[in-house]
Amino acid sequence: MVREKQTELEQRARELLYERGVEIQDIAELVYYLQAKYFNDLTLDMCIYNVNRVLSKREVQHAVLTGVELDILAEKDQLSEPLLNIIKRDEGLYGIDEVVAYSIVNVYGSIVITSYGYIDKQKPGILKELNDLSTGKVNTFIDDIVGAIAAAAASRLAHSYAGDILDQ
């Protein structure tokens, strides 16, 4: 279930995710991965709903647009050195990709930080695909953004079960 009216910004953020090979269900599967052991009645539809709610946030949309644009520019060799090489290699000490992801993580409370760190290290599902450097695609930012969206949706789900968020 998605809100009836999406802004142009939200539509573009969703398009960019899709164009880079990420579908809402892929992110929802990460949410399920993070939360299934805590909720006996958890369904993929509940996870999809929470992913959609996270994607409705302007801060999230800004992070998607910024990160994906940088990945695309690096893929097309349209950034200056040494930044181009750093992003193309997804250099471990770079860290700015995680900083962009933190702008998403910060929307839903402190529990998101641990969930994001966990899923970033585990790299299940779509995250494993996005981290495959052999594809020739640059996914330095989008992998962290997708992980952060999943962690935020998982946190939102947990907060909704606790009664902190009234819609499910």
N, C-alpha and C. Protein backbone atom coordinates (compact mmCIF):
# COMPACT_ATOMS: atom_id res chain seq x y z
N MET A 1 0.84 -1.17 0.00
CA MET A 1 0.00 0.00 0.00
C MET A 1 0.88 1.24 0.00
N VAL A 2 0.72 2.07 -1.01
CA VAL A 2 1.47 3.30 -1.14
C VAL A 2 0.49 4.45 -1.08
N ARG A 3 0.92 5.58 -0.53
CA ARG A 3 0.05 6.75 -0.55
C ARG A 3 -0.43 6.99 -1.97
N GLU A 4 -1.63 7.51 -2.10
CA GLU A 4 -2.20 7.75 -3.42
C GLU A 4 -1.38 8.74 -4.23
N LYS A 5 -0.91 9.80 -3.60
CA LYS A 5 -0.21 10.86 -4.32
C LYS A 5 1.25 10.89 -3.89
N GLN A 6 2.12 10.66 -4.85
CA GLN A 6 3.54 10.79 -4.59
C GLN A 6 4.03 12.08 -5.22
N THR A 7 4.97 12.72 -4.57
CA THR A 7 5.57 13.92 -5.14
C THR A 7 6.46 13.51 -6.31
N GLU A 8 6.82 14.48 -7.11
CA GLU A 8 7.76 14.22 -8.21
C GLU A 8 9.08 13.72 -7.66
N LEU A 9 9.49 14.30 -6.55
CA LEU A 9 10.75 13.90 -5.91
C LEU A 9 10.71 12.42 -5.51
N GLU A 10 9.61 12.02 -4.88
CA GLU A 10 9.49 10.62 -4.48
C GLU A 10 9.44 9.70 -5.69
N GLN A 11 8.70 10.09 -6.70
CA GLN A 11 8.62 9.27 -7.92
C GLN A 11 10.00 9.10 -8.54
N ARG A 12 10.76 10.17 -8.59
CA ARG A 12 12.10 10.08 -9.18
C ARG A 12 13.02 9.21 -8.34
N ALA A 13 12.95 9.32 -7.04
CA ALA A 13 13.77 8.48 -6.16
C ALA A 13 13.44 7.01 -6.38
N ARG A 14 12.16 6.68 -6.49
CA ARG A 14 11.74 5.31 -6.74
C ARG A 14 12.21 4.83 -8.11
N GLU A 15 12.12 5.70 -9.10
CA GLU A 15 12.60 5.35 -10.45
C GLU A 15 14.09 5.05 -10.45
N LEU A 16 14.85 5.87 -9.75
CA LEU A 16 16.30 5.66 -9.69
C LEU A 16 16.65 4.33 -9.04
N LEU A 17 15.96 3.99 -7.98
CA LEU A 17 16.20 2.69 -7.36
C LEU A 17 15.94 1.58 -8.36
N TYR A 18 14.81 1.66 -9.03
CA TYR A 18 14.42 0.63 -10.00
C TYR A 18 15.43 0.57 -11.16
N GLU A 19 15.84 1.73 -11.67
CA GLU A 19 16.80 1.78 -12.77
C GLU A 19 18.14 1.17 -12.38
N ARG A 20 18.46 1.22 -11.10
CA ARG A 20 19.73 0.64 -10.61
C ARG A 20 19.56 -0.81 -10.18
N GLY A 21 18.38 -1.38 -10.45
CA GLY A 21 18.17 -2.81 -10.18
C GLY A 21 17.59 -3.14 -8.83
N VAL A 22 17.04 -2.15 -8.13
CA VAL A 22 16.49 -2.37 -6.80
C VAL A 22 14.98 -2.19 -6.84
N GLU A 23 14.26 -3.21 -6.43
CA GLU A 23 12.81 -3.13 -6.36
C GLU A 23 12.38 -3.04 -4.89
N ILE A 24 11.20 -2.52 -4.68
CA ILE A 24 10.68 -2.37 -3.31
C ILE A 24 10.68 -3.71 -2.59
N GLN A 25 10.32 -4.77 -3.29
CA GLN A 25 10.30 -6.09 -2.66
C GLN A 25 11.69 -6.51 -2.21
N ASP A 26 12.73 -6.15 -2.96
CA ASP A 26 14.10 -6.45 -2.54
C ASP A 26 14.41 -5.83 -1.17
N ILE A 27 14.00 -4.59 -1.00
CA ILE A 27 14.24 -3.90 0.27
C ILE A 27 13.37 -4.52 1.36
N ALA A 28 12.12 -4.85 1.02
CA ALA A 28 11.21 -5.47 1.99
C ALA A 28 11.77 -6.82 2.47
N GLU A 29 12.41 -7.55 1.60
CA GLU A 29 13.02 -8.82 2.01
C GLU A 29 14.13 -8.60 3.02
N LEU A 30 14.84 -7.50 2.90
CA LEU A 30 15.85 -7.16 3.90
C LEU A 30 15.20 -6.82 5.24
N VAL A 31 14.08 -6.11 5.19
CA VAL A 31 13.34 -5.80 6.41
C VAL A 31 12.89 -7.10 7.07
N TYR A 32 12.38 -8.00 6.28
CA TYR A 32 11.94 -9.30 6.80
C TYR A 32 13.13 -10.02 7.45
N TYR A 33 14.26 -10.00 6.78
CA TYR A 33 15.49 -10.60 7.29
C TYR A 33 15.84 -10.04 8.67
N LEU A 34 15.68 -8.73 8.83
CA LEU A 34 16.01 -8.08 10.09
C LEU A 34 14.98 -8.34 11.20
N GLN A 35 13.71 -8.53 10.85
CA GLN A 35 12.65 -8.53 11.86
C GLN A 35 11.91 -9.85 12.06
N ALA A 36 12.07 -10.81 11.18
CA ALA A 36 11.26 -12.05 11.25
C ALA A 36 11.38 -12.77 12.58
N LYS A 37 12.55 -12.76 13.18
CA LYS A 37 12.71 -13.49 14.44
C LYS A 37 12.02 -12.81 15.62
N TYR A 38 11.61 -11.55 15.43
CA TYR A 38 10.96 -10.81 16.52
C TYR A 38 9.44 -10.78 16.43
N PHE A 39 8.90 -11.10 15.25
CA PHE A 39 7.46 -11.02 15.04
C PHE A 39 6.95 -12.29 14.37
N ASN A 40 6.16 -13.08 15.10
CA ASN A 40 5.65 -14.34 14.55
C ASN A 40 4.72 -14.14 13.37
N ASP A 41 4.01 -13.02 13.34
CA ASP A 41 3.01 -12.79 12.31
C ASP A 41 3.50 -11.86 11.19
N LEU A 42 4.80 -11.64 11.11
CA LEU A 42 5.34 -10.72 10.11
C LEU A 42 5.12 -11.26 8.70
N THR A 43 4.66 -10.38 7.82
CA THR A 43 4.47 -10.75 6.42
C THR A 43 5.30 -9.82 5.55
N LEU A 44 5.55 -10.25 4.34
CA LEU A 44 6.28 -9.41 3.40
C LEU A 44 5.47 -8.15 3.07
N ASP A 45 4.15 -8.26 3.05
CA ASP A 45 3.32 -7.08 2.80
C ASP A 45 3.52 -6.02 3.88
N MET A 46 3.67 -6.44 5.13
CA MET A 46 3.93 -5.48 6.21
C MET A 46 5.28 -4.79 6.00
N CYS A 47 6.24 -5.56 5.53
CA CYS A 47 7.57 -5.00 5.27
C CYS A 47 7.52 -4.02 4.10
N ILE A 48 6.80 -4.37 3.05
CA ILE A 48 6.64 -3.49 1.89
C ILE A 48 5.98 -2.18 2.32
N TYR A 49 4.96 -2.27 3.14
CA TYR A 49 4.26 -1.08 3.61
C TYR A 49 5.24 -0.14 4.32
N ASN A 50 6.06 -0.68 5.19
CA ASN A 50 7.00 0.15 5.94
C ASN A 50 8.11 0.71 5.06
N VAL A 51 8.55 -0.04 4.06
CA VAL A 51 9.52 0.49 3.10
C VAL A 51 8.90 1.68 2.36
N ASN A 52 7.66 1.52 1.94
CA ASN A 52 6.99 2.62 1.24
C ASN A 52 6.84 3.86 2.11
N ARG A 53 6.57 3.65 3.38
CA ARG A 53 6.45 4.80 4.30
C ARG A 53 7.81 5.50 4.47
N VAL A 54 8.87 4.73 4.55
CA VAL A 54 10.20 5.32 4.66
C VAL A 54 10.52 6.10 3.39
N LEU A 55 10.19 5.54 2.25
CA LEU A 55 10.47 6.22 0.98
C LEU A 55 9.65 7.50 0.79
N SER A 56 8.62 7.67 1.60
CA SER A 56 7.81 8.88 1.49
C SER A 56 8.47 10.08 2.18
N LYS A 57 9.56 9.84 2.89
CA LYS A 57 10.26 10.90 3.61
C LYS A 57 11.22 11.65 2.68
N ARG A 58 11.13 12.97 2.73
CA ARG A 58 11.97 13.81 1.87
C ARG A 58 13.46 13.56 2.09
N GLU A 59 13.90 13.39 3.35
CA GLU A 59 15.31 13.15 3.63
C GLU A 59 15.80 11.89 2.93
N VAL A 60 14.95 10.88 2.88
CA VAL A 60 15.29 9.62 2.22
C VAL A 60 15.40 9.84 0.71
N GLN A 61 14.46 10.56 0.16
CA GLN A 61 14.46 10.85 -1.27
C GLN A 61 15.72 11.63 -1.66
N HIS A 62 16.10 12.60 -0.84
CA HIS A 62 17.31 13.37 -1.11
C HIS A 62 18.55 12.46 -1.10
N ALA A 63 18.61 11.56 -0.16
CA ALA A 63 19.75 10.65 -0.08
C ALA A 63 19.82 9.75 -1.31
N VAL A 64 18.67 9.24 -1.74
CA VAL A 64 18.63 8.39 -2.93
C VAL A 64 19.12 9.17 -4.15
N LEU A 65 18.57 10.35 -4.36
CA LEU A 65 18.96 11.15 -5.52
C LEU A 65 20.45 11.48 -5.51
N THR A 66 20.95 11.90 -4.37
CA THR A 66 22.37 12.27 -4.26
C THR A 66 23.28 11.08 -4.48
N GLY A 67 23.02 10.00 -3.76
CA GLY A 67 23.90 8.84 -3.84
C GLY A 67 23.88 8.17 -5.20
N VAL A 68 22.71 7.99 -5.77
CA VAL A 68 22.62 7.34 -7.07
C VAL A 68 23.29 8.20 -8.14
N GLU A 69 23.09 9.50 -8.06
CA GLU A 69 23.73 10.39 -9.04
C GLU A 69 25.25 10.27 -8.98
N LEU A 70 25.81 10.21 -7.79
CA LEU A 70 27.26 10.05 -7.66
C LEU A 70 27.72 8.70 -8.21
N ASP A 71 26.96 7.65 -7.96
CA ASP A 71 27.30 6.34 -8.54
C ASP A 71 27.29 6.39 -10.06
N ILE A 72 26.27 7.01 -10.62
CA ILE A 72 26.15 7.10 -12.08
C ILE A 72 27.30 7.93 -12.66
N LEU A 73 27.61 9.05 -12.05
CA LEU A 73 28.71 9.88 -12.54
C LEU A 73 30.03 9.12 -12.49
N ALA A 74 30.26 8.37 -11.43
CA ALA A 74 31.49 7.58 -11.33
C ALA A 74 31.50 6.49 -12.40
N GLU A 75 30.38 5.86 -12.62
CA GLU A 75 30.29 4.81 -13.63
C GLU A 75 30.62 5.34 -15.02
N LYS A 76 30.27 6.60 -15.27
CA LYS A 76 30.52 7.24 -16.57
C LYS A 76 31.86 7.98 -16.60
N ASP A 77 32.68 7.81 -15.56
CA ASP A 77 33.98 8.49 -15.45
C ASP A 77 33.84 10.00 -15.52
N GLN A 78 32.79 10.53 -14.90
CA GLN A 78 32.53 11.96 -14.96
C GLN A 78 32.81 12.67 -13.63
N LEU A 79 33.63 12.08 -12.81
CA LEU A 79 34.10 12.72 -11.59
C LEU A 79 35.61 12.92 -11.73
N SER A 80 36.14 13.85 -11.01
CA SER A 80 37.58 14.12 -11.04
C SER A 80 38.32 13.12 -10.15
N GLU A 81 39.57 12.90 -10.48
CA GLU A 81 40.45 12.09 -9.64
C GLU A 81 40.91 12.94 -8.46
N PRO A 82 41.17 12.39 -7.34
CA PRO A 82 41.15 10.96 -7.02
C PRO A 82 39.78 10.43 -6.61
N LEU A 83 38.76 11.33 -6.54
CA LEU A 83 37.43 10.90 -6.11
C LEU A 83 36.87 9.80 -7.00
N LEU A 84 37.07 9.90 -8.30
CA LEU A 84 36.56 8.89 -9.22
C LEU A 84 37.04 7.50 -8.85
N ASN A 85 38.32 7.35 -8.67
CA ASN A 85 38.90 6.05 -8.34
C ASN A 85 38.43 5.55 -6.97
N ILE A 86 38.30 6.45 -6.02
CA ILE A 86 37.85 6.07 -4.67
C ILE A 86 36.43 5.51 -4.72
N ILE A 87 35.55 6.21 -5.43
CA ILE A 87 34.16 5.76 -5.50
C ILE A 87 34.04 4.50 -6.35
N LYS A 88 34.76 4.43 -7.46
CA LYS A 88 34.67 3.23 -8.31
C LYS A 88 35.15 1.98 -7.57
N ARG A 89 36.15 2.13 -6.72
CA ARG A 89 36.67 0.98 -5.97
C ARG A 89 35.89 0.72 -4.68
N ASP A 90 34.99 1.65 -4.33
CA ASP A 90 34.26 1.57 -3.06
C ASP A 90 35.26 1.41 -1.91
N GLU A 91 36.24 2.30 -1.90
CA GLU A 91 37.33 2.25 -0.93
C GLU A 91 36.80 2.22 0.50
N GLY A 92 37.28 1.28 1.27
CA GLY A 92 36.80 1.05 2.62
C GLY A 92 36.93 2.24 3.56
N LEU A 93 37.95 3.04 3.40
CA LEU A 93 38.16 4.18 4.29
C LEU A 93 37.46 5.44 3.83
N TYR A 94 36.75 5.39 2.72
CA TYR A 94 36.07 6.58 2.19
C TYR A 94 34.97 7.03 3.14
N GLY A 95 33.99 6.21 3.42
CA GLY A 95 33.00 6.48 4.46
C GLY A 95 31.91 7.48 4.16
N ILE A 96 32.06 8.28 3.11
CA ILE A 96 31.03 9.28 2.81
C ILE A 96 29.74 8.59 2.35
N ASP A 97 29.86 7.43 1.74
CA ASP A 97 28.66 6.68 1.34
C ASP A 97 27.85 6.29 2.58
N GLU A 98 28.51 5.94 3.66
CA GLU A 98 27.81 5.65 4.91
C GLU A 98 27.21 6.91 5.53
N VAL A 99 27.90 8.02 5.37
CA VAL A 99 27.38 9.28 5.91
C VAL A 99 26.06 9.65 5.22
N VAL A 100 25.98 9.46 3.92
CA VAL A 100 24.73 9.71 3.20
C VAL A 100 23.65 8.76 3.73
N ALA A 101 24.01 7.50 3.94
CA ALA A 101 23.05 6.53 4.48
C ALA A 101 22.58 6.92 5.88
N TYR A 102 23.46 7.53 6.67
CA TYR A 102 23.07 7.95 8.02
C TYR A 102 21.97 9.01 8.00
N SER A 103 21.87 9.76 6.91
CA SER A 103 20.78 10.74 6.83
C SER A 103 19.43 10.03 6.80
N ILE A 104 19.41 8.80 6.33
CA ILE A 104 18.19 7.98 6.35
C ILE A 104 18.03 7.34 7.73
N VAL A 105 19.11 6.80 8.22
CA VAL A 105 19.11 6.11 9.51
C VAL A 105 18.61 7.02 10.63
N ASN A 106 18.99 8.28 10.58
CA ASN A 106 18.64 9.22 11.65
C ASN A 106 17.16 9.56 11.72
N VAL A 107 16.39 9.18 10.73
CA VAL A 107 14.96 9.53 10.71
C VAL A 107 14.16 8.68 11.70
N TYR A 108 14.60 7.46 12.01
CA TYR A 108 13.79 6.54 12.80
C TYR A 108 14.40 6.05 14.10
N GLY A 109 15.26 6.79 14.71
CA GLY A 109 15.72 6.46 16.05
C GLY A 109 16.97 5.63 16.13
N SER A 110 17.45 5.43 17.34
CA SER A 110 18.75 4.80 17.56
C SER A 110 18.81 3.32 17.21
N ILE A 111 17.68 2.61 17.27
CA ILE A 111 17.70 1.18 16.94
C ILE A 111 18.14 0.95 15.49
N VAL A 112 17.91 1.95 14.65
CA VAL A 112 18.27 1.82 13.24
C VAL A 112 19.78 1.68 13.06
N ILE A 113 20.53 2.33 13.89
CA ILE A 113 21.99 2.32 13.75
C ILE A 113 22.53 0.90 13.86
N THR A 114 22.07 0.15 14.84
CA THR A 114 22.56 -1.22 14.98
C THR A 114 22.05 -2.11 13.85
N SER A 115 20.80 -1.91 13.46
CA SER A 115 20.26 -2.71 12.34
C SER A 115 21.00 -2.42 11.05
N TYR A 116 21.30 -1.15 10.82
CA TYR A 116 22.05 -0.77 9.62
C TYR A 116 23.45 -1.37 9.64
N GLY A 117 24.14 -1.26 10.75
CA GLY A 117 25.49 -1.83 10.85
C GLY A 117 25.48 -3.33 10.63
N TYR A 118 24.49 -4.00 11.20
CA TYR A 118 24.38 -5.45 11.06
C TYR A 118 24.15 -5.85 9.61
N ILE A 119 23.18 -5.22 8.97
CA ILE A 119 22.85 -5.61 7.60
C ILE A 119 23.96 -5.20 6.63
N ASP A 120 24.66 -4.13 6.94
CA ASP A 120 25.77 -3.69 6.10
C ASP A 120 26.91 -4.71 6.15
N LYS A 121 27.12 -5.33 7.29
CA LYS A 121 28.16 -6.36 7.40
C LYS A 121 27.71 -7.70 6.81
N GLN A 122 26.45 -8.07 7.02
CA GLN A 122 25.94 -9.36 6.54
C GLN A 122 25.75 -9.38 5.02
N LYS A 123 25.28 -8.30 4.46
CA LYS A 123 25.02 -8.13 3.03
C LYS A 123 24.15 -9.24 2.44
N PRO A 124 22.95 -9.44 3.01
CA PRO A 124 22.04 -10.44 2.44
C PRO A 124 21.33 -9.90 1.19
N GLY A 125 20.74 -10.80 0.44
CA GLY A 125 19.85 -10.44 -0.66
C GLY A 125 20.44 -9.46 -1.65
N ILE A 126 19.69 -8.42 -1.93
CA ILE A 126 20.07 -7.41 -2.92
C ILE A 126 21.38 -6.74 -2.56
N LEU A 127 21.72 -6.65 -1.29
CA LEU A 127 22.97 -6.00 -0.89
C LEU A 127 24.18 -6.77 -1.41
N LYS A 128 24.09 -8.09 -1.42
CA LYS A 128 25.17 -8.91 -1.97
C LYS A 128 25.34 -8.62 -3.46
N GLU A 129 24.23 -8.52 -4.17
CA GLU A 129 24.27 -8.22 -5.61
C GLU A 129 24.87 -6.84 -5.86
N LEU A 130 24.44 -5.87 -5.09
CA LEU A 130 24.93 -4.51 -5.28
C LEU A 130 26.41 -4.37 -4.96
N ASN A 131 26.93 -5.24 -4.12
CA ASN A 131 28.35 -5.18 -3.74
C ASN A 131 29.26 -5.98 -4.65
N ASP A 132 28.72 -6.57 -5.69
CA ASP A 132 29.51 -7.36 -6.63
C ASP A 132 30.20 -6.42 -7.61
N LEU A 133 31.46 -6.16 -7.39
CA LEU A 133 32.21 -5.22 -8.22
C LEU A 133 32.47 -5.75 -9.62
N SER A 134 32.29 -7.06 -9.83
CA SER A 134 32.57 -7.65 -11.14
C SER A 134 31.53 -7.28 -12.20
N THR A 135 30.42 -6.68 -11.79
CA THR A 135 29.36 -6.33 -12.75
C THR A 135 29.72 -5.11 -13.60
N GLY A 136 30.70 -4.32 -13.15
CA GLY A 136 31.05 -3.10 -13.86
C GLY A 136 30.21 -1.91 -13.43
N LYS A 137 29.17 -2.14 -12.65
CA LYS A 137 28.35 -1.04 -12.15
C LYS A 137 28.99 -0.48 -10.88
N VAL A 138 28.83 0.81 -10.71
CA VAL A 138 29.29 1.44 -9.48
C VAL A 138 28.09 1.59 -8.57
N ASN A 139 28.14 0.92 -7.44
CA ASN A 139 27.05 0.93 -6.46
C ASN A 139 27.54 1.33 -5.08
N THR A 140 28.54 2.18 -5.05
CA THR A 140 29.17 2.59 -3.80
C THR A 140 28.16 3.21 -2.84
N PHE A 141 27.31 4.07 -3.35
CA PHE A 141 26.34 4.74 -2.50
C PHE A 141 25.04 3.96 -2.36
N ILE A 142 24.56 3.39 -3.45
CA ILE A 142 23.23 2.78 -3.41
C ILE A 142 23.17 1.57 -2.47
N ASP A 143 24.24 0.82 -2.34
CA ASP A 143 24.17 -0.33 -1.43
C ASP A 143 23.95 0.12 0.01
N ASP A 144 24.61 1.20 0.40
CA ASP A 144 24.42 1.73 1.76
C ASP A 144 23.05 2.37 1.92
N ILE A 145 22.59 3.02 0.88
CA ILE A 145 21.26 3.65 0.92
C ILE A 145 20.18 2.60 1.06
N VAL A 146 20.28 1.53 0.29
CA VAL A 146 19.28 0.45 0.36
C VAL A 146 19.31 -0.20 1.74
N GLY A 147 20.50 -0.45 2.27
CA GLY A 147 20.61 -1.00 3.62
C GLY A 147 20.00 -0.08 4.66
N ALA A 148 20.21 1.21 4.50
CA ALA A 148 19.66 2.19 5.44
C ALA A 148 18.14 2.27 5.34
N ILE A 149 17.61 2.20 4.13
CA ILE A 149 16.15 2.20 3.96
C ILE A 149 15.56 0.97 4.63
N ALA A 150 16.19 -0.18 4.44
CA ALA A 150 15.70 -1.42 5.07
C ALA A 150 15.77 -1.32 6.59
N ALA A 151 16.88 -0.81 7.12
CA ALA A 151 17.02 -0.67 8.56
C ALA A 151 16.00 0.31 9.12
N ALA A 152 15.76 1.41 8.40
CA ALA A 152 14.76 2.39 8.84
C ALA A 152 13.36 1.78 8.83
N ALA A 153 13.05 1.01 7.78
CA ALA A 153 11.73 0.36 7.70
C ALA A 153 11.58 -0.68 8.80
N ALA A 154 12.65 -1.39 9.11
CA ALA A 154 12.61 -2.37 10.21
C ALA A 154 12.37 -1.67 11.54
N SER A 155 13.02 -0.54 11.74
CA SER A 155 12.82 0.23 12.96
C SER A 155 11.40 0.78 13.03
N ARG A 156 10.92 1.27 11.91
CA ARG A 156 9.55 1.79 11.85
C ARG A 156 8.56 0.69 12.21
N LEU A 157 8.81 -0.49 11.70
CA LEU A 157 7.97 -1.65 12.00
C LEU A 157 8.01 -1.96 13.51
N ALA A 158 9.18 -1.98 14.07
CA ALA A 158 9.32 -2.25 15.51
C ALA A 158 8.61 -1.18 16.34
N HIS A 159 8.77 0.08 15.95
CA HIS A 159 8.10 1.17 16.66
C HIS A 159 6.58 1.07 16.52
N SER A 160 6.10 0.64 15.38
CA SER A 160 4.65 0.53 15.20
C SER A 160 4.08 -0.59 16.07
N TYR A 161 4.82 -1.68 16.22
CA TYR A 161 4.38 -2.76 17.11
C TYR A 161 4.39 -2.32 18.57
N ALA A 162 5.29 -1.43 18.90
CA ALA A 162 5.38 -0.93 20.28
C ALA A 162 4.34 0.15 20.56
N GLY A 163 3.63 0.57 19.51
CA GLY A 163 2.61 1.58 19.68
C GLY A 163 3.11 3.00 19.48
N ASP A 164 4.38 3.16 19.13
CA ASP A 164 4.94 4.49 18.92
C ASP A 164 4.49 5.11 17.59
N ILE A 165 4.18 4.25 16.64
CA ILE A 165 3.67 4.68 15.33
C ILE A 165 2.32 4.02 15.19
N LEU A 166 1.29 4.78 14.95
CA LEU A 166 -0.07 4.25 15.03
C LEU A 166 -0.54 3.49 13.80
N ASP A 167 0.09 3.66 12.66
CA ASP A 167 -0.37 2.90 11.49
C ASP A 167 0.50 1.69 11.25
N GLN A 168 -0.09 0.64 10.75
CA GLN A 168 0.67 -0.58 10.42
C GLN A 168 0.55 -0.80 8.96
